[in-house]
Each structure stands twice: as structure tokens, then as C-alpha cells.
ModelCIF file with pLDDT and N, C-alpha, C, O atoms, coordinates in Angstrom:
data_MODEL
#
_entry.id   MODEL 
#
_entity.id                         1 
_entity.type                       polymer 
_entity.pdbx_number_of_molecules   1 
#
_entity_poly.entity_id                      1 
_entity_poly.type                           'polypeptide(L)' 
_entity_poly.nstd_linkage                   no 
_entity_poly.nstd_monomer                   no 
_entity_poly.pdbx_seq_one_letter_code       DAYLVEIANKKELAMIYDEEFTRDSFRKVLSAISNKELLSSPTKAES 
_entity_poly.pdbx_seq_one_letter_code_can   DAYLVEIANKKELAMIYDEEFTRDSFRKVLSAISNKELLSSPTKAES 
_entity_poly.pdbx_strand_id                 A 
#
loop_
_entity_poly_seq.entity_id 
_entity_poly_seq.num 
_entity_poly_seq.mon_id 
_entity_poly_seq.hetero 
1 1  ASP n 
1 2  ALA n 
1 3  TYR n 
1 4  LEU n 
1 5  VAL n 
1 6  GLU n 
1 7  ILE n 
1 8  ALA n 
1 9  ASN n 
1 10 LYS n 
1 11 LYS n 
1 12 GLU n 
1 13 LEU n 
1 14 ALA n 
1 15 MET n 
1 16 ILE n 
1 17 TYR n 
1 18 ASP n 
1 19 GLU n 
1 20 GLU n 
1 21 PHE n 
1 22 THR n 
1 23 ARG n 
1 24 ASP n 
1 25 SER n 
1 26 PHE n 
1 27 ARG n 
1 28 LYS n 
1 29 VAL n 
1 30 LEU n 
1 31 SER n 
1 32 ALA n 
1 33 ILE n 
1 34 SER n 
1 35 ASN n 
1 36 LYS n 
1 37 GLU n 
1 38 LEU n 
1 39 LEU n 
1 40 SER n 
1 41 SER n 
1 42 PRO n 
1 43 THR n 
1 44 LYS n 
1 45 ALA n 
1 46 GLU n 
1 47 SER n 
#
_struct_asym.id          A 
_struct_asym.entity_id   1 
#
loop_
_ma_qa_metric.id 
_ma_qa_metric.mode 
_ma_qa_metric.name 
_ma_qa_metric.software_group_id 
_ma_qa_metric.type 
1 global pLDDT . pLDDT 
2 local  pLDDT . pLDDT 
#
_ma_qa_metric_global.metric_id      1 
_ma_qa_metric_global.metric_value   95.45 
_ma_qa_metric_global.model_id       1 
_ma_qa_metric_global.ordinal_id     1 
#
loop_
_ma_qa_metric_local.label_asym_id 
_ma_qa_metric_local.label_comp_id 
_ma_qa_metric_local.label_seq_id 
_ma_qa_metric_local.metric_id 
_ma_qa_metric_local.metric_value 
_ma_qa_metric_local.model_id 
_ma_qa_metric_local.ordinal_id 
A ASP 1  2 95.00 1 1  
A ALA 2  2 97.00 1 2  
A TYR 3  2 98.00 1 3  
A LEU 4  2 97.00 1 4  
A VAL 5  2 98.00 1 5  
A GLU 6  2 98.00 1 6  
A ILE 7  2 98.00 1 7  
A ALA 8  2 98.00 1 8  
A ASN 9  2 98.00 1 9  
A LYS 10 2 97.00 1 10 
A LYS 11 2 96.00 1 11 
A GLU 12 2 95.00 1 12 
A LEU 13 2 96.00 1 13 
A ALA 14 2 95.00 1 14 
A MET 15 2 93.00 1 15 
A ILE 16 2 96.00 1 16 
A TYR 17 2 97.00 1 17 
A ASP 18 2 95.00 1 18 
A GLU 19 2 94.00 1 19 
A GLU 20 2 93.00 1 20 
A PHE 21 2 97.00 1 21 
A THR 22 2 97.00 1 22 
A ARG 23 2 97.00 1 23 
A ASP 24 2 97.00 1 24 
A SER 25 2 97.00 1 25 
A PHE 26 2 98.00 1 26 
A ARG 27 2 97.00 1 27 
A LYS 28 2 96.00 1 28 
A VAL 29 2 97.00 1 29 
A LEU 30 2 97.00 1 30 
A SER 31 2 96.00 1 31 
A ALA 32 2 96.00 1 32 
A ILE 33 2 96.00 1 33 
A SER 34 2 96.00 1 34 
A ASN 35 2 94.00 1 35 
A LYS 36 2 92.00 1 36 
A GLU 37 2 91.00 1 37 
A LEU 38 2 89.00 1 38 
A LEU 39 2 90.00 1 39 
A SER 40 2 88.00 1 40 
A SER 41 2 91.00 1 41 
A PRO 42 2 95.00 1 42 
A THR 43 2 95.00 1 43 
A LYS 44 2 95.00 1 44 
A ALA 45 2 96.00 1 45 
A GLU 46 2 96.00 1 46 
A SER 47 2 96.00 1 47 
#
loop_
_atom_site.group_PDB 
_atom_site.id 
_atom_site.type_symbol 
_atom_site.label_atom_id 
_atom_site.label_alt_id 
_atom_site.label_comp_id 
_atom_site.label_asym_id 
_atom_site.label_entity_id 
_atom_site.label_seq_id 
_atom_site.pdbx_PDB_ins_code 
_atom_site.Cartn_x 
_atom_site.Cartn_y 
_atom_site.Cartn_z 
_atom_site.occupancy 
_atom_site.B_iso_or_equiv 
_atom_site.pdbx_formal_charge 
_atom_site.auth_seq_id 
_atom_site.auth_comp_id 
_atom_site.auth_asym_id 
_atom_site.auth_atom_id 
_atom_site.pdbx_PDB_model_num 
ATOM 1   N N  . ASP A 1 1  ? -9.412  21.323 -6.245  1.00 95.00 ? 1  ASP A N  1 
ATOM 2   C CA . ASP A 1 1  ? -8.631  20.184 -6.697  1.00 95.00 ? 1  ASP A CA 1 
ATOM 3   C C  . ASP A 1 1  ? -9.125  18.885 -6.059  1.00 95.00 ? 1  ASP A C  1 
ATOM 4   O O  . ASP A 1 1  ? -9.054  17.821 -6.673  1.00 95.00 ? 1  ASP A O  1 
ATOM 5   N N  . ALA A 1 2  ? -9.622  18.976 -4.836  1.00 97.00 ? 2  ALA A N  1 
ATOM 6   C CA . ALA A 1 2  ? -10.136 17.778 -4.153  1.00 97.00 ? 2  ALA A CA 1 
ATOM 7   C C  . ALA A 1 2  ? -11.288 17.149 -4.939  1.00 97.00 ? 2  ALA A C  1 
ATOM 8   O O  . ALA A 1 2  ? -11.435 15.926 -4.952  1.00 97.00 ? 2  ALA A O  1 
ATOM 9   N N  . TYR A 1 3  ? -12.095 17.968 -5.587  1.00 98.00 ? 3  TYR A N  1 
ATOM 10  C CA . TYR A 1 3  ? -13.202 17.451 -6.398  1.00 98.00 ? 3  TYR A CA 1 
ATOM 11  C C  . TYR A 1 3  ? -12.651 16.676 -7.600  1.00 98.00 ? 3  TYR A C  1 
ATOM 12  O O  . TYR A 1 3  ? -13.164 15.611 -7.945  1.00 98.00 ? 3  TYR A O  1 
ATOM 13  N N  . LEU A 1 4  ? -11.618 17.208 -8.226  1.00 97.00 ? 4  LEU A N  1 
ATOM 14  C CA . LEU A 1 4  ? -11.013 16.548 -9.384  1.00 97.00 ? 4  LEU A CA 1 
ATOM 15  C C  . LEU A 1 4  ? -10.364 15.226 -8.973  1.00 97.00 ? 4  LEU A C  1 
ATOM 16  O O  . LEU A 1 4  ? -10.453 14.233 -9.696  1.00 97.00 ? 4  LEU A O  1 
ATOM 17  N N  . VAL A 1 5  ? -9.713  15.220 -7.812  1.00 98.00 ? 5  VAL A N  1 
ATOM 18  C CA . VAL A 1 5  ? -9.112  13.992 -7.292  1.00 98.00 ? 5  VAL A CA 1 
ATOM 19  C C  . VAL A 1 5  ? -10.205 12.975 -6.995  1.00 98.00 ? 5  VAL A C  1 
ATOM 20  O O  . VAL A 1 5  ? -10.042 11.786 -7.270  1.00 98.00 ? 5  VAL A O  1 
ATOM 21  N N  . GLU A 1 6  ? -11.322 13.441 -6.433  1.00 98.00 ? 6  GLU A N  1 
ATOM 22  C CA . GLU A 1 6  ? -12.436 12.543 -6.127  1.00 98.00 ? 6  GLU A CA 1 
ATOM 23  C C  . GLU A 1 6  ? -12.942 11.848 -7.395  1.00 98.00 ? 6  GLU A C  1 
ATOM 24  O O  . GLU A 1 6  ? -13.183 10.641 -7.392  1.00 98.00 ? 6  GLU A O  1 
ATOM 25  N N  . ILE A 1 7  ? -13.100 12.607 -8.463  1.00 98.00 ? 7  ILE A N  1 
ATOM 26  C CA . ILE A 1 7  ? -13.552 11.994 -9.718  1.00 98.00 ? 7  ILE A CA 1 
ATOM 27  C C  . ILE A 1 7  ? -12.494 11.011 -10.220 1.00 98.00 ? 7  ILE A C  1 
ATOM 28  O O  . ILE A 1 7  ? -12.806 9.863  -10.541 1.00 98.00 ? 7  ILE A O  1 
ATOM 29  N N  . ALA A 1 8  ? -11.253 11.465 -10.286 1.00 98.00 ? 8  ALA A N  1 
ATOM 30  C CA . ALA A 1 8  ? -10.169 10.635 -10.820 1.00 98.00 ? 8  ALA A CA 1 
ATOM 31  C C  . ALA A 1 8  ? -10.023 9.326  -10.067 1.00 98.00 ? 8  ALA A C  1 
ATOM 32  O O  . ALA A 1 8  ? -9.630  8.316  -10.652 1.00 98.00 ? 8  ALA A O  1 
ATOM 33  N N  . ASN A 1 9  ? -10.331 9.326  -8.785  1.00 98.00 ? 9  ASN A N  1 
ATOM 34  C CA . ASN A 1 9  ? -10.176 8.127  -7.967  1.00 98.00 ? 9  ASN A CA 1 
ATOM 35  C C  . ASN A 1 9  ? -11.375 7.178  -8.021  1.00 98.00 ? 9  ASN A C  1 
ATOM 36  O O  . ASN A 1 9  ? -11.340 6.113  -7.405  1.00 98.00 ? 9  ASN A O  1 
ATOM 37  N N  . LYS A 1 10 ? -12.418 7.540  -8.736  1.00 97.00 ? 10 LYS A N  1 
ATOM 38  C CA . LYS A 1 10 ? -13.583 6.662  -8.832  1.00 97.00 ? 10 LYS A CA 1 
ATOM 39  C C  . LYS A 1 10 ? -13.183 5.340  -9.490  1.00 97.00 ? 10 LYS A C  1 
ATOM 40  O O  . LYS A 1 10 ? -12.505 5.322  -10.518 1.00 97.00 ? 10 LYS A O  1 
ATOM 41  N N  . LYS A 1 11 ? -13.610 4.249  -8.884  1.00 96.00 ? 11 LYS A N  1 
ATOM 42  C CA . LYS A 1 11 ? -13.249 2.919  -9.401  1.00 96.00 ? 11 LYS A CA 1 
ATOM 43  C C  . LYS A 1 11 ? -13.766 2.702  -10.824 1.00 96.00 ? 11 LYS A C  1 
ATOM 44  O O  . LYS A 1 11 ? -13.199 1.915  -11.581 1.00 96.00 ? 11 LYS A O  1 
ATOM 45  N N  . GLU A 1 12 ? -14.832 3.395  -11.180 1.00 95.00 ? 12 GLU A N  1 
ATOM 46  C CA . GLU A 1 12 ? -15.400 3.240  -12.531 1.00 95.00 ? 12 GLU A CA 1 
ATOM 47  C C  . GLU A 1 12 ? -14.454 3.740  -13.618 1.00 95.00 ? 12 GLU A C  1 
ATOM 48  O O  . GLU A 1 12 ? -14.616 3.392  -14.788 1.00 95.00 ? 12 GLU A O  1 
ATOM 49  N N  . LEU A 1 13 ? -13.476 4.545  -13.246 1.00 96.00 ? 13 LEU A N  1 
ATOM 50  C CA . LEU A 1 13 ? -12.535 5.081  -14.232 1.00 96.00 ? 13 LEU A CA 1 
ATOM 51  C C  . LEU A 1 13 ? -11.241 4.283  -14.319 1.00 96.00 ? 13 LEU A C  1 
ATOM 52  O O  . LEU A 1 13 ? -10.405 4.560  -15.179 1.00 96.00 ? 13 LEU A O  1 
ATOM 53  N N  . ALA A 1 14 ? -11.066 3.311  -13.456 1.00 95.00 ? 14 ALA A N  1 
ATOM 54  C CA . ALA A 1 14 ? -9.814  2.543  -13.421 1.00 95.00 ? 14 ALA A CA 1 
ATOM 55  C C  . ALA A 1 14 ? -9.462  1.947  -14.778 1.00 95.00 ? 14 ALA A C  1 
ATOM 56  O O  . ALA A 1 14 ? -8.284  1.838  -15.120 1.00 95.00 ? 14 ALA A O  1 
ATOM 57  N N  . MET A 1 15 ? -10.470 1.562  -15.550 1.00 93.00 ? 15 MET A N  1 
ATOM 58  C CA . MET A 1 15 ? -10.212 0.900  -16.839 1.00 93.00 ? 15 MET A CA 1 
ATOM 59  C C  . MET A 1 15 ? -9.596  1.821  -17.882 1.00 93.00 ? 15 MET A C  1 
ATOM 60  O O  . MET A 1 15 ? -8.990  1.341  -18.840 1.00 93.00 ? 15 MET A O  1 
ATOM 61  N N  . ILE A 1 16 ? -9.737  3.127  -17.720 1.00 96.00 ? 16 ILE A N  1 
ATOM 62  C CA . ILE A 1 16 ? -9.186  4.039  -18.734 1.00 96.00 ? 16 ILE A CA 1 
ATOM 63  C C  . ILE A 1 16 ? -7.727  4.394  -18.463 1.00 96.00 ? 16 ILE A C  1 
ATOM 64  O O  . ILE A 1 16 ? -7.065  4.995  -19.309 1.00 96.00 ? 16 ILE A O  1 
ATOM 65  N N  . TYR A 1 17 ? -7.228  4.025  -17.292 1.00 97.00 ? 17 TYR A N  1 
ATOM 66  C CA . TYR A 1 17 ? -5.861  4.388  -16.926 1.00 97.00 ? 17 TYR A CA 1 
ATOM 67  C C  . TYR A 1 17 ? -4.858  3.364  -17.432 1.00 97.00 ? 17 TYR A C  1 
ATOM 68  O O  . TYR A 1 17 ? -5.100  2.158  -17.411 1.00 97.00 ? 17 TYR A O  1 
ATOM 69  N N  . ASP A 1 18 ? -3.729  3.882  -17.885 1.00 95.00 ? 18 ASP A N  1 
ATOM 70  C CA . ASP A 1 18 ? -2.621  3.048  -18.320 1.00 95.00 ? 18 ASP A CA 1 
ATOM 71  C C  . ASP A 1 18 ? -1.333  3.829  -18.076 1.00 95.00 ? 18 ASP A C  1 
ATOM 72  O O  . ASP A 1 18 ? -1.342  4.814  -17.338 1.00 95.00 ? 18 ASP A O  1 
ATOM 73  N N  . GLU A 1 19 ? -0.238  3.410  -18.678 1.00 94.00 ? 19 GLU A N  1 
ATOM 74  C CA . GLU A 1 19 ? 1.049   4.076  -18.456 1.00 94.00 ? 19 GLU A CA 1 
ATOM 75  C C  . GLU A 1 19 ? 1.068   5.506  -18.989 1.00 94.00 ? 19 GLU A C  1 
ATOM 76  O O  . GLU A 1 19 ? 1.736   6.371  -18.423 1.00 94.00 ? 19 GLU A O  1 
ATOM 77  N N  . GLU A 1 20 ? 0.346   5.756  -20.065 1.00 93.00 ? 20 GLU A N  1 
ATOM 78  C CA . GLU A 1 20 ? 0.341   7.089  -20.680 1.00 93.00 ? 20 GLU A CA 1 
ATOM 79  C C  . GLU A 1 20 ? -0.715  8.007  -20.077 1.00 93.00 ? 20 GLU A C  1 
ATOM 80  O O  . GLU A 1 20 ? -0.563  9.228  -20.108 1.00 93.00 ? 20 GLU A O  1 
ATOM 81  N N  . PHE A 1 21 ? -1.772  7.437  -19.534 1.00 97.00 ? 21 PHE A N  1 
ATOM 82  C CA . PHE A 1 21 ? -2.869  8.236  -18.994 1.00 97.00 ? 21 PHE A CA 1 
ATOM 83  C C  . PHE A 1 21 ? -3.250  7.669  -17.628 1.00 97.00 ? 21 PHE A C  1 
ATOM 84  O O  . PHE A 1 21 ? -3.896  6.626  -17.532 1.00 97.00 ? 21 PHE A O  1 
ATOM 85  N N  . THR A 1 22 ? -2.841  8.371  -16.581 1.00 97.00 ? 22 THR A N  1 
ATOM 86  C CA . THR A 1 22 ? -3.016  7.913  -15.207 1.00 97.00 ? 22 THR A CA 1 
ATOM 87  C C  . THR A 1 22 ? -4.095  8.728  -14.494 1.00 97.00 ? 22 THR A C  1 
ATOM 88  O O  . THR A 1 22 ? -4.670  9.659  -15.058 1.00 97.00 ? 22 THR A O  1 
ATOM 89  N N  . ARG A 1 23 ? -4.353  8.354  -13.243 1.00 97.00 ? 23 ARG A N  1 
ATOM 90  C CA . ARG A 1 23 ? -5.265  9.153  -12.410 1.00 97.00 ? 23 ARG A CA 1 
ATOM 91  C C  . ARG A 1 23 ? -4.775  10.594 -12.321 1.00 97.00 ? 23 ARG A C  1 
ATOM 92  O O  . ARG A 1 23 ? -5.566  11.536 -12.365 1.00 97.00 ? 23 ARG A O  1 
ATOM 93  N N  . ASP A 1 24 ? -3.469  10.748 -12.197 1.00 97.00 ? 24 ASP A N  1 
ATOM 94  C CA . ASP A 1 24 ? -2.912  12.093 -12.121 1.00 97.00 ? 24 ASP A CA 1 
ATOM 95  C C  . ASP A 1 24 ? -3.091  12.829 -13.450 1.00 97.00 ? 24 ASP A C  1 
ATOM 96  O O  . ASP A 1 24 ? -3.295  14.043 -13.459 1.00 97.00 ? 24 ASP A O  1 
ATOM 97  N N  . SER A 1 25 ? -3.017  12.114 -14.559 1.00 97.00 ? 25 SER A N  1 
ATOM 98  C CA . SER A 1 25 ? -3.266  12.733 -15.868 1.00 97.00 ? 25 SER A CA 1 
ATOM 99  C C  . SER A 1 25 ? -4.682  13.294 -15.924 1.00 97.00 ? 25 SER A C  1 
ATOM 100 O O  . SER A 1 25 ? -4.904  14.419 -16.371 1.00 97.00 ? 25 SER A O  1 
ATOM 101 N N  . PHE A 1 26 ? -5.628  12.492 -15.464 1.00 98.00 ? 26 PHE A N  1 
ATOM 102 C CA . PHE A 1 26 ? -7.036  12.898 -15.441 1.00 98.00 ? 26 PHE A CA 1 
ATOM 103 C C  . PHE A 1 26 ? -7.191  14.195 -14.641 1.00 98.00 ? 26 PHE A C  1 
ATOM 104 O O  . PHE A 1 26 ? -7.783  15.164 -15.115 1.00 98.00 ? 26 PHE A O  1 
ATOM 105 N N  . ARG A 1 27 ? -6.650  14.194 -13.424 1.00 97.00 ? 27 ARG A N  1 
ATOM 106 C CA . ARG A 1 27 ? -6.737  15.363 -12.549 1.00 97.00 ? 27 ARG A CA 1 
ATOM 107 C C  . ARG A 1 27 ? -6.002  16.558 -13.153 1.00 97.00 ? 27 ARG A C  1 
ATOM 108 O O  . ARG A 1 27 ? -6.507  17.680 -13.134 1.00 97.00 ? 27 ARG A O  1 
ATOM 109 N N  . LYS A 1 28 ? -4.807  16.307 -13.688 1.00 96.00 ? 28 LYS A N  1 
ATOM 110 C CA . LYS A 1 28 ? -3.984  17.376 -14.264 1.00 96.00 ? 28 LYS A CA 1 
ATOM 111 C C  . LYS A 1 28 ? -4.708  18.079 -15.417 1.00 96.00 ? 28 LYS A C  1 
ATOM 112 O O  . LYS A 1 28 ? -4.699  19.307 -15.505 1.00 96.00 ? 28 LYS A O  1 
ATOM 113 N N  . VAL A 1 29 ? -5.326  17.306 -16.285 1.00 97.00 ? 29 VAL A N  1 
ATOM 114 C CA . VAL A 1 29 ? -6.045  17.880 -17.428 1.00 97.00 ? 29 VAL A CA 1 
ATOM 115 C C  . VAL A 1 29 ? -7.219  18.723 -16.952 1.00 97.00 ? 29 VAL A C  1 
ATOM 116 O O  . VAL A 1 29 ? -7.389  19.858 -17.395 1.00 97.00 ? 29 VAL A O  1 
ATOM 117 N N  . LEU A 1 30 ? -8.032  18.173 -16.051 1.00 97.00 ? 30 LEU A N  1 
ATOM 118 C CA . LEU A 1 30 ? -9.191  18.932 -15.573 1.00 97.00 ? 30 LEU A CA 1 
ATOM 119 C C  . LEU A 1 30 ? -8.764  20.166 -14.779 1.00 97.00 ? 30 LEU A C  1 
ATOM 120 O O  . LEU A 1 30 ? -9.426  21.202 -14.835 1.00 97.00 ? 30 LEU A O  1 
ATOM 121 N N  . SER A 1 31 ? -7.679  20.058 -14.054 1.00 96.00 ? 31 SER A N  1 
ATOM 122 C CA . SER A 1 31 ? -7.166  21.206 -13.307 1.00 96.00 ? 31 SER A CA 1 
ATOM 123 C C  . SER A 1 31 ? -6.720  22.309 -14.265 1.00 96.00 ? 31 SER A C  1 
ATOM 124 O O  . SER A 1 31 ? -7.025  23.481 -14.047 1.00 96.00 ? 31 SER A O  1 
ATOM 125 N N  . ALA A 1 32 ? -6.007  21.943 -15.313 1.00 96.00 ? 32 ALA A N  1 
ATOM 126 C CA . ALA A 1 32 ? -5.567  22.931 -16.300 1.00 96.00 ? 32 ALA A CA 1 
ATOM 127 C C  . ALA A 1 32 ? -6.764  23.616 -16.953 1.00 96.00 ? 32 ALA A C  1 
ATOM 128 O O  . ALA A 1 32 ? -6.752  24.830 -17.153 1.00 96.00 ? 32 ALA A O  1 
ATOM 129 N N  . ILE A 1 33 ? -7.777  22.854 -17.281 1.00 96.00 ? 33 ILE A N  1 
ATOM 130 C CA . ILE A 1 33 ? -8.980  23.431 -17.884 1.00 96.00 ? 33 ILE A CA 1 
ATOM 131 C C  . ILE A 1 33 ? -9.651  24.368 -16.905 1.00 96.00 ? 33 ILE A C  1 
ATOM 132 O O  . ILE A 1 33 ? -10.024 25.483 -17.267 1.00 96.00 ? 33 ILE A O  1 
ATOM 133 N N  . SER A 1 34 ? -9.807  23.932 -15.679 1.00 96.00 ? 34 SER A N  1 
ATOM 134 C CA . SER A 1 34 ? -10.452 24.743 -14.649 1.00 96.00 ? 34 SER A CA 1 
ATOM 135 C C  . SER A 1 34 ? -9.703  26.053 -14.404 1.00 96.00 ? 34 SER A C  1 
ATOM 136 O O  . SER A 1 34 ? -10.315 27.099 -14.190 1.00 96.00 ? 34 SER A O  1 
ATOM 137 N N  . ASN A 1 35 ? -8.376  25.982 -14.439 1.00 94.00 ? 35 ASN A N  1 
ATOM 138 C CA . ASN A 1 35 ? -7.548  27.159 -14.179 1.00 94.00 ? 35 ASN A CA 1 
ATOM 139 C C  . ASN A 1 35 ? -7.210  27.950 -15.442 1.00 94.00 ? 35 ASN A C  1 
ATOM 140 O O  . ASN A 1 35 ? -6.450  28.918 -15.396 1.00 94.00 ? 35 ASN A O  1 
ATOM 141 N N  . LYS A 1 36 ? -7.781  27.529 -16.563 1.00 92.00 ? 36 LYS A N  1 
ATOM 142 C CA . LYS A 1 36 ? -7.554  28.182 -17.853 1.00 92.00 ? 36 LYS A CA 1 
ATOM 143 C C  . LYS A 1 36 ? -6.064  28.259 -18.199 1.00 92.00 ? 36 LYS A C  1 
ATOM 144 O O  . LYS A 1 36 ? -5.544  29.292 -18.622 1.00 92.00 ? 36 LYS A O  1 
ATOM 145 N N  . GLU A 1 37 ? -5.408  27.117 -17.997 1.00 91.00 ? 37 GLU A N  1 
ATOM 146 C CA . GLU A 1 37 ? -3.982  27.001 -18.267 1.00 91.00 ? 37 GLU A CA 1 
ATOM 147 C C  . GLU A 1 37 ? -3.761  25.976 -19.379 1.00 91.00 ? 37 GLU A C  1 
ATOM 148 O O  . GLU A 1 37 ? -4.597  25.106 -19.625 1.00 91.00 ? 37 GLU A O  1 
ATOM 149 N N  . LEU A 1 38 ? -2.630  26.102 -20.031 1.00 89.00 ? 38 LEU A N  1 
ATOM 150 C CA . LEU A 1 38 ? -2.238  25.086 -20.991 1.00 89.00 ? 38 LEU A CA 1 
ATOM 151 C C  . LEU A 1 38 ? -1.606  23.930 -20.229 1.00 89.00 ? 38 LEU A C  1 
ATOM 152 O O  . LEU A 1 38 ? -1.064  24.118 -19.140 1.00 89.00 ? 38 LEU A O  1 
ATOM 153 N N  . LEU A 1 39 ? -1.677  22.739 -20.800 1.00 90.00 ? 39 LEU A N  1 
ATOM 154 C CA . LEU A 1 39 ? -1.026  21.575 -20.196 1.00 90.00 ? 39 LEU A CA 1 
ATOM 155 C C  . LEU A 1 39 ? 0.477   21.682 -20.401 1.00 90.00 ? 39 LEU A C  1 
ATOM 156 O O  . LEU A 1 39 ? 0.931   22.050 -21.484 1.00 90.00 ? 39 LEU A O  1 
ATOM 157 N N  . SER A 1 40 ? 1.239   21.367 -19.384 1.00 88.00 ? 40 SER A N  1 
ATOM 158 C CA . SER A 1 40 ? 2.686   21.365 -19.560 1.00 88.00 ? 40 SER A CA 1 
ATOM 159 C C  . SER A 1 40 ? 3.137   19.946 -19.897 1.00 88.00 ? 40 SER A C  1 
ATOM 160 O O  . SER A 1 40 ? 2.824   18.993 -19.183 1.00 88.00 ? 40 SER A O  1 
ATOM 161 N N  . SER A 1 41 ? 3.860   19.829 -20.972 1.00 91.00 ? 41 SER A N  1 
ATOM 162 C CA . SER A 1 41 ? 4.402   18.548 -21.440 1.00 91.00 ? 41 SER A CA 1 
ATOM 163 C C  . SER A 1 41 ? 3.362   17.429 -21.445 1.00 91.00 ? 41 SER A C  1 
ATOM 164 O O  . SER A 1 41 ? 3.574   16.390 -20.820 1.00 91.00 ? 41 SER A O  1 
ATOM 165 N N  . PRO A 1 42 ? 2.254   17.624 -22.134 1.00 95.00 ? 42 PRO A N  1 
ATOM 166 C CA . PRO A 1 42 ? 1.217   16.575 -22.119 1.00 95.00 ? 42 PRO A CA 1 
ATOM 167 C C  . PRO A 1 42 ? 1.598   15.362 -22.960 1.00 95.00 ? 42 PRO A C  1 
ATOM 168 O O  . PRO A 1 42 ? 2.316   15.475 -23.953 1.00 95.00 ? 42 PRO A O  1 
ATOM 169 N N  . THR A 1 43 ? 1.106   14.210 -22.543 1.00 95.00 ? 43 THR A N  1 
ATOM 170 C CA . THR A 1 43 ? 1.209   13.023 -23.386 1.00 95.00 ? 43 THR A CA 1 
ATOM 171 C C  . THR A 1 43 ? 0.138   13.146 -24.468 1.00 95.00 ? 43 THR A C  1 
ATOM 172 O O  . THR A 1 43 ? -0.731  14.015 -24.393 1.00 95.00 ? 43 THR A O  1 
ATOM 173 N N  . LYS A 1 44 ? 0.203   12.292 -25.452 1.00 95.00 ? 44 LYS A N  1 
ATOM 174 C CA . LYS A 1 44 ? -0.808  12.297 -26.509 1.00 95.00 ? 44 LYS A CA 1 
ATOM 175 C C  . LYS A 1 44 ? -2.199  12.048 -25.920 1.00 95.00 ? 44 LYS A C  1 
ATOM 176 O O  . LYS A 1 44 ? -3.173  12.685 -26.321 1.00 95.00 ? 44 LYS A O  1 
ATOM 177 N N  . ALA A 1 45 ? -2.281  11.127 -24.975 1.00 96.00 ? 45 ALA A N  1 
ATOM 178 C CA . ALA A 1 45 ? -3.569  10.801 -24.344 1.00 96.00 ? 45 ALA A CA 1 
ATOM 179 C C  . ALA A 1 45 ? -4.093  11.982 -23.534 1.00 96.00 ? 45 ALA A C  1 
ATOM 180 O O  . ALA A 1 45 ? -5.290  12.267 -23.564 1.00 96.00 ? 45 ALA A O  1 
ATOM 181 N N  . GLU A 1 46 ? -3.219  12.667 -22.816 1.00 96.00 ? 46 GLU A N  1 
ATOM 182 C CA . GLU A 1 46 ? -3.637  13.850 -22.060 1.00 96.00 ? 46 GLU A CA 1 
ATOM 183 C C  . GLU A 1 46 ? -4.143  14.947 -22.989 1.00 96.00 ? 46 GLU A C  1 
ATOM 184 O O  . GLU A 1 46 ? -5.142  15.604 -22.693 1.00 96.00 ? 46 GLU A O  1 
ATOM 185 N N  . SER A 1 47 ? -3.458  15.144 -24.104 1.00 96.00 ? 47 SER A N  1 
ATOM 186 C CA . SER A 1 47 ? -3.898  16.146 -25.084 1.00 96.00 ? 47 SER A CA 1 
ATOM 187 C C  . SER A 1 47 ? -5.270  15.787 -25.653 1.00 96.00 ? 47 SER A C  1 
ATOM 188 O O  . SER A 1 47 ? -5.800  16.515 -26.492 1.00 96.00 ? 47 SER A O  1 
#
């Protein structure tokens, strides 16, 4: 998870974040993919 947080926190990604898609959204999506899990209650942007 630390690797996913590291990517999500990169300043180059700041422009893609908004109220619907946050740093945590980025990490949450990649974590779900990595763990072969479905997203729980995803926003449209997360989906």
C-alpha cells in the first residue's frame, strides 16, 4: 500500500484530483485492483 500512496502523492497527479476523485480514490482503486477486490461504493470517477 505504501507504493500506491507514494504514486498517489506525486505532485504531478495533483491536477487530476477533485471532490469526486481524490488521492485516496487513486490509492483505493489501485489497492482494489491489486487485491483483486471490487470497489466498495465507488464514485463515477473511481469506476
